[in-house]
Amino acid sequence: MYFNNHIKTFSLFVLLLISLTVKSQKIQYDQDVSRYYNEGIAHFNNGDYHAANAAFRNALATNRVLPTNLSYYFAETLYYVRQFQNSRNFVEKYINLAGYSGDFYEEAIHLRELINNEFQKIIDCQRCNSFGYRLIFCERCETTGVEMTECPDCKGTGNTLCPKCTGKGVLITLDTFSQNHYETCDKCQGEGVIVCELCEGHKEITRICTLCLGVGLRSSNVICTHEDLEEEEEDDDDDDEQKELFQKKKVYRQ
């Protein structure tokens, strides 16, 4: 998905560049582009930013030449739906494409400052990841950072084949008359198996949690608002361990 988003972003950049190149000419945009663009602006003006987001994305999906101003409208829309990284990308594209003569140049500079302020809040907040999504306790490892999994050597049985007798339970040698001589294996006492050396017979091993990568926290799909967390911290007198855990987010972000 990350790769596809970059492809879409690049496609929009190319289409906007084309539209800027022919800006001095009267352009008859594709019918679908005009419809989605106008719908997006209408939703934007009405404060329905989620609907505007959908409309502008539909315009992008047409793979046609797009109005340069769409980049600004889309950037501000993404800001309001708290998709700050995408908003930053599109406001920078608008500034680069339209320059000082752009219809929304001053607004774009102001929007850039607002986005930078939001990223600073994310950096300062101890309870969200680098994209602004709330960190929550990992339910898989219960914040320990480790999880139990089936031992790969014994496949959860607790025993492995005896390496000395290869599971036969006896050691076979040739005597001086070339006759087989059988002797109980001294490593497994004739059982053919030994206690698994990796899990020591426990059938499971401890490993770093694959969901939270050992941090004890994972990202949720909830966008962090930052403000409510200050009240939570003031009201909770027993959250020293929780605060210490959330400090690990610095490791989590790397």
Protein backbone atom coordinates (compact mmCIF):
# COMPACT_ATOMS: atom_id res chain seq x y z
CA MET A 1 0.00 0.00 0.00
CA TYR A 2 2.88 2.36 0.86
CA PHE A 3 4.35 1.78 -2.63
CA ASN A 4 0.97 2.31 -4.33
CA ASN A 5 0.51 5.63 -2.49
CA HIS A 6 3.86 6.82 -3.81
CA ILE A 7 2.87 5.80 -7.35
CA LYS A 8 -0.35 7.79 -7.01
CA THR A 9 1.53 10.77 -5.60
CA PHE A 10 4.00 10.70 -8.50
CA SER A 11 1.14 10.39 -10.99
CA LEU A 12 -0.58 13.44 -9.54
CA PHE A 13 2.70 15.38 -9.66
CA VAL A 14 3.10 14.63 -13.37
CA LEU A 15 -0.48 15.54 -14.15
CA LEU A 16 -0.25 18.79 -12.23
CA LEU A 17 3.02 19.64 -13.98
CA ILE A 18 1.33 19.16 -17.32
CA SER A 19 -1.53 21.39 -16.28
CA LEU A 20 0.88 24.12 -15.18
CA THR A 21 2.77 23.95 -18.47
CA VAL A 22 -0.37 24.71 -20.38
CA LYS A 23 -1.69 27.15 -17.82
CA SER A 24 -1.58 30.07 -20.23
CA GLN A 25 -3.88 28.17 -22.57
CA LYS A 26 -7.56 27.71 -22.04
CA ILE A 27 -7.88 24.11 -20.93
CA GLN A 28 -10.93 21.98 -21.38
CA TYR A 29 -10.49 19.44 -18.60
CA ASP A 30 -11.84 15.95 -18.84
CA GLN A 31 -15.53 15.83 -17.93
CA ASP A 32 -14.96 13.45 -15.02
CA VAL A 33 -12.05 15.53 -13.72
CA SER A 34 -14.18 18.68 -13.75
CA ARG A 35 -17.05 16.91 -12.04
CA TYR A 36 -14.93 15.41 -9.25
CA TYR A 37 -12.95 18.63 -8.84
CA ASN A 38 -16.09 20.76 -8.49
CA GLU A 39 -17.65 18.22 -6.15
CA GLY A 40 -14.53 18.30 -4.02
CA ILE A 41 -14.54 22.10 -3.82
CA ALA A 42 -18.23 22.10 -2.90
CA HIS A 43 -17.65 19.59 -0.10
CA PHE A 44 -14.58 21.55 1.00
CA ASN A 45 -16.53 24.82 1.22
CA ASN A 46 -19.24 23.05 3.21
CA GLY A 47 -16.68 21.71 5.67
CA ASP A 48 -17.26 18.07 4.67
CA TYR A 49 -13.58 17.22 4.34
CA HIS A 50 -13.97 13.46 4.21
CA ALA A 51 -16.29 13.78 1.22
CA ALA A 52 -13.89 16.29 -0.35
CA ASN A 53 -11.05 13.86 0.19
CA ALA A 54 -12.97 11.15 -1.65
CA ALA A 55 -13.87 13.47 -4.54
CA PHE A 56 -10.30 14.69 -5.05
CA ARG A 57 -9.03 11.12 -4.97
CA ASN A 58 -11.58 10.22 -7.64
CA ALA A 59 -10.21 13.05 -9.78
CA LEU A 60 -6.71 11.67 -9.30
CA ALA A 61 -7.87 8.19 -10.27
CA THR A 62 -8.91 9.40 -13.73
CA ASN A 63 -5.23 9.74 -14.71
CA ARG A 64 -6.10 12.90 -16.64
CA VAL A 65 -4.61 16.39 -16.55
CA LEU A 66 -5.63 18.06 -13.29
CA PRO A 67 -6.12 21.72 -12.30
CA THR A 68 -3.07 23.02 -10.43
CA ASN A 69 -5.27 24.36 -7.63
CA LEU A 70 -6.45 20.85 -6.90
CA SER A 71 -3.08 20.26 -5.25
CA TYR A 72 -3.74 23.03 -2.74
CA TYR A 73 -7.35 22.07 -2.07
CA PHE A 74 -6.26 18.46 -1.59
CA ALA A 75 -3.44 19.50 0.76
CA GLU A 76 -5.75 21.51 3.00
CA THR A 77 -8.37 18.77 2.91
CA LEU A 78 -5.79 16.23 4.03
CA TYR A 79 -4.77 18.58 6.84
CA TYR A 80 -8.32 18.67 8.16
CA VAL A 81 -8.64 14.87 8.06
CA ARG A 82 -5.28 14.76 9.91
CA GLN A 83 -3.28 13.04 7.19
CA PHE A 84 -0.38 15.38 7.80
CA GLN A 85 2.34 13.61 5.83
CA ASN A 86 0.23 13.51 2.67
CA SER A 87 -0.87 17.09 3.31
CA ARG A 88 2.77 18.17 3.52
CA ASN A 89 3.56 16.39 0.26
CA PHE A 90 0.78 18.11 -1.66
CA VAL A 91 1.29 21.60 -0.26
CA GLU A 92 4.96 21.37 -1.25
CA LYS A 93 3.94 20.23 -4.73
CA TYR A 94 1.55 23.16 -5.03
CA ILE A 95 4.21 25.68 -3.96
CA ASN A 96 6.76 24.17 -6.35
CA LEU A 97 4.32 24.09 -9.25
CA ALA A 98 2.44 27.37 -8.81
CA GLY A 99 5.18 29.47 -7.22
CA TYR A 100 4.58 33.07 -6.12
CA SER A 101 1.95 33.57 -8.80
CA GLY A 102 -0.22 30.74 -7.48
CA ASP A 103 -3.79 31.59 -6.52
CA PHE A 104 -3.23 30.17 -3.03
CA TYR A 105 0.46 30.88 -2.49
CA GLU A 106 0.06 32.77 0.80
CA GLU A 107 -2.47 30.23 2.05
CA ALA A 108 -0.09 27.42 1.13
CA ILE A 109 2.76 29.00 3.12
CA HIS A 110 0.44 29.32 6.12
CA LEU A 111 -0.74 25.74 5.69
CA ARG A 112 2.88 24.56 5.64
CA GLU A 113 3.40 26.25 9.02
CA LEU A 114 0.29 24.60 10.45
CA ILE A 115 1.46 21.19 9.25
CA ASN A 116 4.91 21.72 10.78
CA ASN A 117 3.24 22.62 14.08
CA GLU A 118 1.27 19.37 13.98
CA PHE A 119 4.42 17.37 13.38
CA GLN A 120 6.04 19.08 16.37
CA LYS A 121 3.08 18.00 18.50
CA ILE A 122 3.61 14.44 17.29
CA ILE A 123 7.29 14.61 18.18
CA ASP A 124 6.50 15.96 21.66
CA CYS A 125 3.64 13.54 22.34
CA GLN A 126 4.67 10.40 24.19
CA ARG A 127 1.66 8.36 23.12
CA CYS A 128 1.64 8.33 19.34
CA ASN A 129 3.91 7.06 16.62
CA SER A 130 5.76 9.19 14.09
CA PHE A 131 2.67 9.33 11.86
CA GLY A 132 0.42 10.61 14.65
CA TYR A 133 -1.46 7.38 15.35
CA ARG A 134 -2.14 6.51 18.98
CA LEU A 135 0.07 3.85 20.52
CA ILE A 136 -1.76 1.21 22.54
CA PHE A 137 -0.64 -1.62 24.76
CA CYS A 138 0.21 -4.75 22.79
CA GLU A 139 -2.41 -7.37 23.51
CA ARG A 140 -0.33 -10.22 22.13
CA CYS A 141 2.52 -9.95 24.61
CA GLU A 142 0.62 -7.94 27.26
CA THR A 143 3.30 -5.20 27.12
CA THR A 144 6.14 -7.60 27.99
CA GLY A 145 7.68 -7.33 24.53
CA VAL A 146 8.07 -11.10 24.29
CA GLU A 147 5.79 -13.97 23.36
CA MET A 148 5.77 -17.74 23.68
CA THR A 149 5.85 -19.82 20.54
CA GLU A 150 6.18 -23.51 19.67
CA CYS A 151 9.74 -24.72 19.81
CA PRO A 152 11.04 -25.08 16.25
CA ASP A 153 13.46 -27.90 17.15
CA CYS A 154 11.06 -30.33 18.82
CA LYS A 155 7.88 -29.04 17.14
CA GLY A 156 6.22 -28.71 20.52
CA THR A 157 6.88 -32.25 21.71
CA GLY A 158 9.61 -31.45 24.22
CA ASN A 159 11.88 -34.17 22.81
CA THR A 160 14.23 -34.49 19.87
CA LEU A 161 15.81 -37.45 18.13
CA CYS A 162 18.91 -38.67 19.90
CA PRO A 163 21.88 -37.50 17.83
CA LYS A 164 24.14 -40.29 19.06
CA CYS A 165 22.02 -43.31 18.11
CA THR A 166 19.82 -41.43 15.59
CA GLY A 167 16.71 -42.64 17.36
CA LYS A 168 17.53 -46.37 17.42
CA GLY A 169 18.11 -46.51 21.17
CA VAL A 170 21.15 -48.73 20.66
CA LEU A 171 24.69 -48.25 19.42
CA ILE A 172 25.81 -50.77 16.82
CA THR A 173 29.51 -51.54 16.43
CA LEU A 174 31.51 -54.32 14.79
CA ASP A 175 33.57 -56.67 16.94
CA THR A 176 36.84 -58.26 15.89
CA PHE A 177 34.95 -60.95 14.01
CA SER A 178 32.95 -58.35 12.04
CA GLN A 179 29.83 -59.22 13.94
CA ASN A 180 27.35 -56.55 15.05
CA HIS A 181 27.63 -55.62 18.68
CA TYR A 182 24.60 -53.94 20.25
CA GLU A 183 24.84 -51.62 23.24
CA THR A 184 22.19 -49.42 24.84
CA CYS A 185 22.76 -45.80 23.95
CA ASP A 186 24.21 -44.02 26.93
CA LYS A 187 22.94 -40.60 25.83
CA CYS A 188 19.25 -41.44 25.65
CA GLN A 189 19.32 -44.61 27.83
CA GLY A 190 17.72 -46.53 25.03
CA GLU A 191 14.76 -44.19 24.56
CA GLY A 192 15.82 -42.95 21.13
CA VAL A 193 14.94 -39.37 22.10
CA ILE A 194 16.37 -36.78 24.43
CA VAL A 195 14.98 -33.70 26.12
CA CYS A 196 15.03 -30.83 23.61
CA GLU A 197 18.10 -28.75 24.27
CA LEU A 198 16.53 -25.58 22.89
CA CYS A 199 13.36 -25.42 24.98
CA GLU A 200 14.63 -27.80 27.73
CA GLY A 201 11.46 -29.82 27.44
CA HIS A 202 9.06 -26.91 27.90
CA LYS A 203 7.78 -27.31 24.32
CA GLU A 204 7.78 -23.51 23.84
CA ILE A 205 10.43 -20.83 23.56
CA THR A 206 10.40 -17.11 24.28
CA ARG A 207 10.96 -14.72 21.40
CA ILE A 208 10.55 -11.01 20.66
CA CYS A 209 6.90 -10.19 20.05
CA THR A 210 6.33 -10.06 16.31
CA LEU A 211 3.44 -7.60 16.67
CA CYS A 212 5.12 -4.85 18.68
CA LEU A 213 8.75 -5.81 17.88
CA GLY A 214 9.60 -6.09 21.55
CA VAL A 215 8.45 -2.61 22.60
CA GLY A 216 5.21 -3.59 24.35
CA LEU A 217 3.27 -1.03 22.32
CA ARG A 218 1.73 -1.11 18.89
CA SER A 219 0.16 1.45 16.59
CA SER A 220 -3.60 1.70 16.46
CA ASN A 221 -5.73 3.15 13.65
CA VAL A 222 -6.84 5.99 15.92
CA ILE A 223 -5.33 9.40 15.20
CA CYS A 224 -3.86 10.86 18.38
CA THR A 225 -5.30 14.24 19.45
CA HIS A 226 -2.54 14.86 22.04
CA GLU A 227 -4.68 17.24 24.10
CA ASP A 228 -6.67 14.64 26.06
CA LEU A 229 -3.51 12.82 27.10
CA GLU A 230 -2.41 15.64 29.40
CA GLU A 231 -5.63 15.29 31.39
CA GLU A 232 -5.22 11.51 31.53
CA GLU A 233 -1.72 11.85 32.96
CA GLU A 234 -2.81 14.38 35.60
CA ASP A 235 -5.68 12.17 36.78
CA ASP A 236 -3.64 8.96 37.04
CA ASP A 237 -1.31 8.70 40.05
CA ASP A 238 -0.31 5.10 39.37
CA ASP A 239 0.89 5.35 35.79
CA ASP A 240 4.67 5.56 36.37
CA GLU A 241 5.19 2.21 34.67
CA GLN A 242 2.90 3.23 31.83
CA LYS A 243 4.81 6.47 31.32
CA GLU A 244 8.07 4.54 31.24
CA LEU A 245 6.59 2.16 28.68
CA PHE A 246 5.41 5.00 26.48
CA GLN A 247 8.89 6.46 26.59
CA LYS A 248 9.89 3.40 24.54
CA LYS A 249 8.07 4.92 21.60
CA LYS A 250 11.36 6.55 20.66
CA VAL A 251 12.71 3.08 20.00
CA TYR A 252 9.49 2.05 18.32
CA ARG A 253 9.75 4.92 15.81
CA GLN A 254 13.20 3.95 14.60
